[in-house]
């Protein structure tokens, strides 16, 4: 995984952290759709945030588990990773 999270990375995290198989191309085609449209609930999003924190040994922003769309999540997480906070 690079320093910037991609839709492909997010799809892999959805599989690992929430047990959902989602086509990364579908995430990229519909980045403004709510996570619920892809079958992801708030508990699954918490699993993804936890997985990211473990991989990067970096606390994710508290807002990360409140993101409603893939685009919102990627924008927030990538800005946080770029800042290295």
PDB file of N, CA and C in Angstrom:
ATOM      1  N   UNK A   1       0.843  -1.173   0.000  1.00  0.00           N
ATOM      2  CA  UNK A   1       0.000   0.000   0.000  1.00  0.00           C
ATOM      3  C   UNK A   1       0.890   1.239   0.000  1.00  0.00           C
ATOM      4  N   UNK A   2       0.545   2.213  -0.833  1.00  0.00           N
ATOM      5  CA  UNK A   2       1.315   3.450  -0.904  1.00  0.00           C
ATOM      6  C   UNK A   2       0.897   4.381   0.234  1.00  0.00           C
ATOM      7  N   UNK A   3       1.521   5.560   0.256  1.00  0.00           N
ATOM      8  CA  UNK A   3       1.158   6.553   1.261  1.00  0.00           C
ATOM      9  C   UNK A   3      -0.226   7.135   1.009  1.00  0.00           C
ATOM     10  N   UNK A   4      -0.702   7.027  -0.212  1.00  0.00           N
ATOM     11  CA  UNK A   4      -2.043   7.498  -0.542  1.00  0.00           C
ATOM     12  C   UNK A   4      -2.953   6.296  -0.768  1.00  0.00           C
ATOM     13  N   UNK A   5      -4.061   6.288  -0.077  1.00  0.00           N
ATOM     14  CA  UNK A   5      -5.027   5.208  -0.177  1.00  0.00           C
ATOM     15  C   UNK A   5      -5.823   5.359  -1.471  1.00  0.00           C
ATOM     16  N   UNK A   6      -5.956   4.278  -2.239  1.00  0.00           N
ATOM     17  CA  UNK A   6      -6.705   4.294  -3.492  1.00  0.00           C
ATOM     18  C   UNK A   6      -8.029   3.564  -3.295  1.00  0.00           C
ATOM     19  N   UNK A   7      -8.882   3.625  -4.314  1.00  0.00           N
ATOM     20  CA  UNK A   7     -10.139   2.881  -4.255  1.00  0.00           C
ATOM     21  C   UNK A   7      -9.867   1.374  -4.197  1.00  0.00           C
ATOM     22  N   UNK A   8      -8.821   0.939  -4.872  1.00  0.00           N
ATOM     23  CA  UNK A   8      -8.437  -0.472  -4.815  1.00  0.00           C
ATOM     24  C   UNK A   8      -8.025  -0.854  -3.388  1.00  0.00           C
ATOM     25  N   UNK A   9      -7.258   0.006  -2.744  1.00  0.00           N
ATOM     26  CA  UNK A   9      -6.867  -0.224  -1.350  1.00  0.00           C
ATOM     27  C   UNK A   9      -8.096  -0.262  -0.446  1.00  0.00           C
ATOM     28  N   UNK A  10      -9.013   0.661  -0.680  1.00  0.00           N
ATOM     29  CA  UNK A  10     -10.222   0.714   0.138  1.00  0.00           C
ATOM     30  C   UNK A  10     -11.046  -0.556  -0.029  1.00  0.00           C
ATOM     31  N   UNK A  11     -11.160  -1.048  -1.249  1.00  0.00           N
ATOM     32  CA  UNK A  11     -11.898  -2.295  -1.482  1.00  0.00           C
ATOM     33  C   UNK A  11     -11.236  -3.452  -0.730  1.00  0.00           C
ATOM     34  N   UNK A  12      -9.901  -3.503  -0.734  1.00  0.00           N
ATOM     35  CA  UNK A  12      -9.185  -4.558   0.002  1.00  0.00           C
ATOM     36  C   UNK A  12      -9.417  -4.421   1.504  1.00  0.00           C
ATOM     37  N   UNK A  13      -9.442  -3.182   1.992  1.00  0.00           N
ATOM     38  CA  UNK A  13      -9.703  -2.951   3.410  1.00  0.00           C
ATOM     39  C   UNK A  13     -11.135  -3.324   3.773  1.00  0.00           C
ATOM     40  N   UNK A  14     -12.068  -3.095   2.872  1.00  0.00           N
ATOM     41  CA  UNK A  14     -13.456  -3.481   3.124  1.00  0.00           C
ATOM     42  C   UNK A  14     -13.563  -4.996   3.243  1.00  0.00           C
ATOM     43  N   UNK A  15     -12.779  -5.709   2.451  1.00  0.00           N
ATOM     44  CA  UNK A  15     -12.761  -7.175   2.520  1.00  0.00           C
ATOM     45  C   UNK A  15     -12.142  -7.633   3.846  1.00  0.00           C
ATOM     46  N   UNK A  16     -11.000  -7.073   4.178  1.00  0.00           N
ATOM     47  CA  UNK A  16     -10.287  -7.507   5.374  1.00  0.00           C
ATOM     48  C   UNK A  16     -10.939  -7.009   6.664  1.00  0.00           C
ATOM     49  N   UNK A  17     -11.335  -5.745   6.691  1.00  0.00           N
ATOM     50  CA  UNK A  17     -11.854  -5.155   7.921  1.00  0.00           C
ATOM     51  C   UNK A  17     -13.329  -5.361   8.166  1.00  0.00           C
ATOM     52  N   UNK A  18     -14.091  -5.649   7.079  1.00  0.00           N
ATOM     53  CA  UNK A  18     -15.537  -5.772   7.230  1.00  0.00           C
ATOM     54  C   UNK A  18     -16.106  -7.023   6.577  1.00  0.00           C
ATOM     55  N   UNK A  19     -15.259  -7.787   5.881  1.00  0.00           N
ATOM     56  CA  UNK A  19     -15.740  -9.012   5.245  1.00  0.00           C
ATOM     57  C   UNK A  19     -16.589  -8.790   4.007  1.00  0.00           C
ATOM     58  N   UNK A  20     -16.477  -7.610   3.385  1.00  0.00           N
ATOM     59  CA  UNK A  20     -17.263  -7.298   2.185  1.00  0.00           C
ATOM     60  C   UNK A  20     -16.407  -7.374   0.936  1.00  0.00           C
ATOM     61  N   UNK A  21     -16.930  -7.993  -0.087  1.00  0.00           N
ATOM     62  CA  UNK A  21     -16.259  -8.001  -1.377  1.00  0.00           C
ATOM     63  C   UNK A  21     -16.912  -6.936  -2.243  1.00  0.00           C
ATOM     64  N   UNK A  22     -16.137  -5.909  -2.567  1.00  0.00           N
ATOM     65  CA  UNK A  22     -16.627  -4.789  -3.365  1.00  0.00           C
ATOM     66  C   UNK A  22     -15.668  -4.579  -4.525  1.00  0.00           C
ATOM     67  N   UNK A  23     -16.218  -4.394  -5.705  1.00  0.00           N
ATOM     68  CA  UNK A  23     -15.413  -4.119  -6.888  1.00  0.00           C
ATOM     69  C   UNK A  23     -14.812  -2.716  -6.757  1.00  0.00           C
ATOM     70  N   UNK A  24     -13.478  -2.617  -6.752  1.00  0.00           N
ATOM     71  CA  UNK A  24     -12.864  -1.292  -6.607  1.00  0.00           C
ATOM     72  C   UNK A  24     -13.247  -0.333  -7.729  1.00  0.00           C
ATOM     73  N   UNK A  25     -13.502  -0.863  -8.920  1.00  0.00           N
ATOM     74  CA  UNK A  25     -13.923   0.000 -10.025  1.00  0.00           C
ATOM     75  C   UNK A  25     -15.300   0.601  -9.736  1.00  0.00           C
ATOM     76  N   UNK A  26     -16.144  -0.158  -9.062  1.00  0.00           N
ATOM     77  CA  UNK A  26     -17.467   0.333  -8.694  1.00  0.00           C
ATOM     78  C   UNK A  26     -17.341   1.455  -7.653  1.00  0.00           C
ATOM     79  N   UNK A  27     -16.435   1.293  -6.696  1.00  0.00           N
ATOM     80  CA  UNK A  27     -16.194   2.358  -5.716  1.00  0.00           C
ATOM     81  C   UNK A  27     -15.739   3.628  -6.425  1.00  0.00           C
ATOM     82  N   UNK A  28     -14.862   3.466  -7.396  1.00  0.00           N
ATOM     83  CA  UNK A  28     -14.325   4.622  -8.109  1.00  0.00           C
ATOM     84  C   UNK A  28     -15.367   5.272  -9.017  1.00  0.00           C
ATOM     85  N   UNK A  29     -16.253   4.459  -9.590  1.00  0.00           N
ATOM     86  CA  UNK A  29     -17.307   4.999 -10.452  1.00  0.00           C
ATOM     87  C   UNK A  29     -18.382   5.731  -9.649  1.00  0.00           C
ATOM     88  N   UNK A  30     -18.571   5.311  -8.398  1.00  0.00           N
ATOM     89  CA  UNK A  30     -19.643   5.882  -7.566  1.00  0.00           C
ATOM     90  C   UNK A  30     -19.087   6.385  -6.225  1.00  0.00           C
ATOM     91  N   UNK A  31     -18.087   7.255  -6.249  1.00  0.00           N
ATOM     92  CA  UNK A  31     -17.431   7.665  -5.003  1.00  0.00           C
ATOM     93  C   UNK A  31     -18.322   8.470  -4.067  1.00  0.00           C
ATOM     94  N   UNK A  32     -19.381   9.055  -4.595  1.00  0.00           N
ATOM     95  CA  UNK A  32     -20.277   9.857  -3.771  1.00  0.00           C
ATOM     96  C   UNK A  32     -21.422   9.073  -3.165  1.00  0.00           C
ATOM     97  N   UNK A  33     -21.555   7.803  -3.550  1.00  0.00           N
ATOM     98  CA  UNK A  33     -22.603   6.967  -2.952  1.00  0.00           C
ATOM     99  C   UNK A  33     -22.240   6.658  -1.511  1.00  0.00           C
ATOM    100  N   UNK A  34     -23.240   6.573  -0.675  1.00  0.00           N
ATOM    101  CA  UNK A  34     -22.981   6.256   0.724  1.00  0.00           C
ATOM    102  C   UNK A  34     -22.452   4.838   0.862  1.00  0.00           C
ATOM    103  N   UNK A  35     -21.643   4.617   1.902  1.00  0.00           N
ATOM    104  CA  UNK A  35     -21.094   3.292   2.153  1.00  0.00           C
ATOM    105  C   UNK A  35     -22.192   2.239   2.252  1.00  0.00           C
ATOM    106  N   UNK A  36     -23.346   2.616   2.767  1.00  0.00           N
ATOM    107  CA  UNK A  36     -24.446   1.664   2.913  1.00  0.00           C
ATOM    108  C   UNK A  36     -24.839   1.052   1.570  1.00  0.00           C
ATOM    109  N   UNK A  37     -24.694   1.803   0.488  1.00  0.00           N
ATOM    110  CA  UNK A  37     -25.015   1.288  -0.849  1.00  0.00           C
ATOM    111  C   UNK A  37     -24.087   0.141  -1.246  1.00  0.00           C
ATOM    112  N   UNK A  38     -22.921   0.078  -0.607  1.00  0.00           N
ATOM    113  CA  UNK A  38     -21.956  -0.994  -0.870  1.00  0.00           C
ATOM    114  C   UNK A  38     -22.027  -2.080   0.199  1.00  0.00           C
ATOM    115  N   UNK A  39     -22.955  -1.913   1.155  1.00  0.00           N
ATOM    116  CA  UNK A  39     -23.127  -2.913   2.209  1.00  0.00           C
ATOM    117  C   UNK A  39     -22.302  -2.661   3.456  1.00  0.00           C
ATOM    118  N   UNK A  40     -21.642  -1.520   3.535  1.00  0.00           N
ATOM    119  CA  UNK A  40     -20.783  -1.229   4.680  1.00  0.00           C
ATOM    120  C   UNK A  40     -21.543  -0.417   5.717  1.00  0.00           C
ATOM    121  N   UNK A  41     -21.546  -0.911   6.948  1.00  0.00           N
ATOM    122  CA  UNK A  41     -22.186  -0.177   8.039  1.00  0.00           C
ATOM    123  C   UNK A  41     -21.121   0.478   8.918  1.00  0.00           C
ATOM    124  N   UNK A  42     -21.557   1.147   9.969  1.00  0.00           N
ATOM    125  CA  UNK A  42     -20.619   1.883  10.820  1.00  0.00           C
ATOM    126  C   UNK A  42     -19.637   0.962  11.532  1.00  0.00           C
ATOM    127  N   UNK A  43     -20.072  -0.224  11.896  1.00  0.00           N
ATOM    128  CA  UNK A  43     -19.167  -1.177  12.545  1.00  0.00           C
ATOM    129  C   UNK A  43     -18.080  -1.633  11.569  1.00  0.00           C
ATOM    130  N   UNK A  44     -18.457  -1.867  10.328  1.00  0.00           N
ATOM    131  CA  UNK A  44     -17.475  -2.232   9.308  1.00  0.00           C
ATOM    132  C   UNK A  44     -16.479  -1.124   9.060  1.00  0.00           C
ATOM    133  N   UNK A  45     -16.961   0.121   9.083  1.00  0.00           N
ATOM    134  CA  UNK A  45     -16.064   1.258   8.885  1.00  0.00           C
ATOM    135  C   UNK A  45     -15.077   1.360  10.043  1.00  0.00           C
ATOM    136  N   UNK A  46     -15.523   1.060  11.243  1.00  0.00           N
ATOM    137  CA  UNK A  46     -14.609   1.031  12.394  1.00  0.00           C
ATOM    138  C   UNK A  46     -13.519  -0.017  12.192  1.00  0.00           C
ATOM    139  N   UNK A  47     -13.881  -1.160  11.627  1.00  0.00           N
ATOM    140  CA  UNK A  47     -12.898  -2.201  11.337  1.00  0.00           C
ATOM    141  C   UNK A  47     -11.857  -1.730  10.342  1.00  0.00           C
ATOM    142  N   UNK A  48     -12.289  -0.977   9.352  1.00  0.00           N
ATOM    143  CA  UNK A  48     -11.372  -0.440   8.345  1.00  0.00           C
ATOM    144  C   UNK A  48     -10.428   0.581   8.976  1.00  0.00           C
ATOM    145  N   UNK A  49     -10.972   1.455   9.802  1.00  0.00           N
ATOM    146  CA  UNK A  49     -10.149   2.458  10.485  1.00  0.00           C
ATOM    147  C   UNK A  49      -9.109   1.760  11.362  1.00  0.00           C
ATOM    148  N   UNK A  50      -9.532   0.733  12.097  1.00  0.00           N
ATOM    149  CA  UNK A  50      -8.597  -0.017  12.939  1.00  0.00           C
ATOM    150  C   UNK A  50      -7.492  -0.668  12.134  1.00  0.00           C
ATOM    151  N   UNK A  51      -7.846  -1.239  10.996  1.00  0.00           N
ATOM    152  CA  UNK A  51      -6.846  -1.866  10.123  1.00  0.00           C
ATOM    153  C   UNK A  51      -5.837  -0.833   9.620  1.00  0.00           C
ATOM    154  N   UNK A  52      -6.323   0.340   9.236  1.00  0.00           N
ATOM    155  CA  UNK A  52      -5.423   1.407   8.785  1.00  0.00           C
ATOM    156  C   UNK A  52      -4.495   1.856   9.899  1.00  0.00           C
ATOM    157  N   UNK A  53      -5.017   1.980  11.094  1.00  0.00           N
ATOM    158  CA  UNK A  53      -4.184   2.399  12.221  1.00  0.00           C
ATOM    159  C   UNK A  53      -3.089   1.377  12.495  1.00  0.00           C
ATOM    160  N   UNK A  54      -3.422   0.106  12.391  1.00  0.00           N
ATOM    161  CA  UNK A  54      -2.419  -0.943  12.592  1.00  0.00           C
ATOM    162  C   UNK A  54      -1.358  -0.913  11.492  1.00  0.00           C
ATOM    163  N   UNK A  55      -1.766  -0.751  10.261  1.00  0.00           N
ATOM    164  CA  UNK A  55      -0.817  -0.753   9.139  1.00  0.00           C
ATOM    165  C   UNK A  55       0.136   0.424   9.171  1.00  0.00           C
ATOM    166  N   UNK A  56      -0.395   1.576   9.517  1.00  0.00           N
ATOM    167  CA  UNK A  56       0.405   2.801   9.448  1.00  0.00           C
ATOM    168  C   UNK A  56       0.957   3.222  10.799  1.00  0.00           C
ATOM    169  N   UNK A  57       0.605   2.473  11.841  1.00  0.00           N
ATOM    170  CA  UNK A  57       1.023   2.816  13.205  1.00  0.00           C
ATOM    171  C   UNK A  57       0.786   4.296  13.470  1.00  0.00           C
ATOM    172  N   UNK A  58      -0.407   4.730  13.120  1.00  0.00           N
ATOM    173  CA  UNK A  58      -0.776   6.129  13.194  1.00  0.00           C
ATOM    174  C   UNK A  58      -2.270   6.199  13.484  1.00  0.00           C
ATOM    175  N   UNK A  59      -2.654   6.974  14.486  1.00  0.00           N
ATOM    176  CA  UNK A  59      -4.080   7.136  14.785  1.00  0.00           C
ATOM    177  C   UNK A  59      -4.750   7.888  13.639  1.00  0.00           C
ATOM    178  N   UNK A  60      -5.889   7.379  13.215  1.00  0.00           N
ATOM    179  CA  UNK A  60      -6.654   8.043  12.173  1.00  0.00           C
ATOM    180  C   UNK A  60      -7.499   9.143  12.823  1.00  0.00           C
ATOM    181  N   UNK A  61      -7.904  10.142  12.041  1.00  0.00           N
ATOM    182  CA  UNK A  61      -8.724  11.216  12.599  1.00  0.00           C
ATOM    183  C   UNK A  61     -10.029  10.645  13.169  1.00  0.00           C
ATOM    184  N   UNK A  62     -10.506  11.269  14.224  1.00  0.00           N
ATOM    185  CA  UNK A  62     -11.729  10.777  14.865  1.00  0.00           C
ATOM    186  C   UNK A  62     -12.927  10.830  13.918  1.00  0.00           C
ATOM    187  N   UNK A  63     -12.884  11.685  12.920  1.00  0.00           N
ATOM    188  CA  UNK A  63     -13.983  11.794  11.958  1.00  0.00           C
ATOM    189  C   UNK A  63     -14.017  10.634  10.964  1.00  0.00           C
ATOM    190  N   UNK A  64     -12.955   9.860  10.883  1.00  0.00           N
ATOM    191  CA  UNK A  64     -12.854   8.812   9.861  1.00  0.00           C
ATOM    192  C   UNK A  64     -13.991   7.808   9.950  1.00  0.00           C
ATOM    193  N   UNK A  65     -14.389   7.447  11.160  1.00  0.00           N
ATOM    194  CA  UNK A  65     -15.448   6.455  11.277  1.00  0.00           C
ATOM    195  C   UNK A  65     -16.844   7.052  11.106  1.00  0.00           C
ATOM    196  N   UNK A  66     -16.901   8.337  10.801  1.00  0.00           N
ATOM    197  CA  UNK A  66     -18.180   8.995  10.553  1.00  0.00           C
ATOM    198  C   UNK A  66     -18.367   9.359   9.080  1.00  0.00           C
ATOM    199  N   UNK A  67     -17.379   9.077   8.257  1.00  0.00           N
ATOM    200  CA  UNK A  67     -17.479   9.364   6.826  1.00  0.00           C
ATOM    201  C   UNK A  67     -18.632   8.567   6.237  1.00  0.00           C
ATOM    202  N   UNK A  68     -19.321   9.184   5.300  1.00  0.00           N
ATOM    203  CA  UNK A  68     -20.497   8.539   4.718  1.00  0.00           C
ATOM    204  C   UNK A  68     -20.253   7.969   3.315  1.00  0.00           C
ATOM    205  N   UNK A  69     -19.184   8.452   2.648  1.00  0.00           N
ATOM    206  CA  UNK A  69     -18.929   8.010   1.280  1.00  0.00           C
ATOM    207  C   UNK A  69     -17.463   7.613   1.109  1.00  0.00           C
ATOM    208  N   UNK A  70     -17.172   6.791   0.105  1.00  0.00           N
ATOM    209  CA  UNK A  70     -15.780   6.449  -0.172  1.00  0.00           C
ATOM    210  C   UNK A  70     -14.913   7.679  -0.447  1.00  0.00           C
ATOM    211  N   UNK A  71     -15.425   8.641  -1.211  1.00  0.00           N
ATOM    212  CA  UNK A  71     -14.647   9.841  -1.518  1.00  0.00           C
ATOM    213  C   UNK A  71     -14.331  10.633  -0.255  1.00  0.00           C
ATOM    214  N   UNK A  72     -15.327  10.825   0.576  1.00  0.00           N
ATOM    215  CA  UNK A  72     -15.120  11.558   1.826  1.00  0.00           C
ATOM    216  C   UNK A  72     -14.056  10.860   2.682  1.00  0.00           C
ATOM    217  N   UNK A  73     -14.138   9.534   2.758  1.00  0.00           N
ATOM    218  CA  UNK A  73     -13.191   8.759   3.554  1.00  0.00           C
ATOM    219  C   UNK A  73     -11.783   8.871   2.992  1.00  0.00           C
ATOM    220  N   UNK A  74     -11.636   8.664   1.674  1.00  0.00           N
ATOM    221  CA  UNK A  74     -10.308   8.733   1.060  1.00  0.00           C
ATOM    222  C   UNK A  74      -9.710  10.129   1.174  1.00  0.00           C
ATOM    223  N   UNK A  75     -10.516  11.159   0.971  1.00  0.00           N
ATOM    224  CA  UNK A  75     -10.004  12.526   1.089  1.00  0.00           C
ATOM    225  C   UNK A  75      -9.478  12.783   2.500  1.00  0.00           C
ATOM    226  N   UNK A  76     -10.233  12.389   3.510  1.00  0.00           N
ATOM    227  CA  UNK A  76      -9.846  12.605   4.900  1.00  0.00           C
ATOM    228  C   UNK A  76      -8.596  11.810   5.253  1.00  0.00           C
ATOM    229  N   UNK A  77      -8.599  10.523   4.936  1.00  0.00           N
ATOM    230  CA  UNK A  77      -7.472   9.661   5.301  1.00  0.00           C
ATOM    231  C   UNK A  77      -6.209  10.064   4.537  1.00  0.00           C
ATOM    232  N   UNK A  78      -6.327  10.350   3.261  1.00  0.00           N
ATOM    233  CA  UNK A  78      -5.145  10.741   2.483  1.00  0.00           C
ATOM    234  C   UNK A  78      -4.557  12.064   2.952  1.00  0.00           C
ATOM    235  N   UNK A  79      -5.396  13.015   3.330  1.00  0.00           N
ATOM    236  CA  UNK A  79      -4.884  14.270   3.868  1.00  0.00           C
ATOM    237  C   UNK A  79      -4.145  14.007   5.189  1.00  0.00           C
ATOM    238  N   UNK A  80      -4.693  13.117   5.982  1.00  0.00           N
ATOM    239  CA  UNK A  80      -4.076  12.772   7.267  1.00  0.00           C
ATOM    240  C   UNK A  80      -2.741  12.052   7.063  1.00  0.00           C
ATOM    241  N   UNK A  81      -2.707  11.111   6.129  1.00  0.00           N
ATOM    242  CA  UNK A  81      -1.466  10.391   5.837  1.00  0.00           C
ATOM    243  C   UNK A  81      -0.402  11.330   5.273  1.00  0.00           C
ATOM    244  N   UNK A  82      -0.818  12.255   4.407  1.00  0.00           N
ATOM    245  CA  UNK A  82       0.135  13.200   3.825  1.00  0.00           C
ATOM    246  C   UNK A  82       0.727  14.106   4.894  1.00  0.00           C
ATOM    247  N   UNK A  83      -0.090  14.463   5.882  1.00  0.00           N
ATOM    248  CA  UNK A  83       0.390  15.320   6.964  1.00  0.00           C
ATOM    249  C   UNK A  83       1.274  14.567   7.944  1.00  0.00           C
ATOM    250  N   UNK A  84       1.105  13.235   7.982  1.00  0.00           N
ATOM    251  CA  UNK A  84       1.908  12.403   8.866  1.00  0.00           C
ATOM    252  C   UNK A  84       1.653  12.677  10.341  1.00  0.00           C
ATOM    253  N   UNK A  85       0.459  13.156  10.622  1.00  0.00           N
ATOM    254  CA  UNK A  85       0.108  13.511  12.009  1.00  0.00           C
ATOM    255  C   UNK A  85      -0.144  12.282  12.842  1.00  0.00           C
TER     256      UNK A  85
END
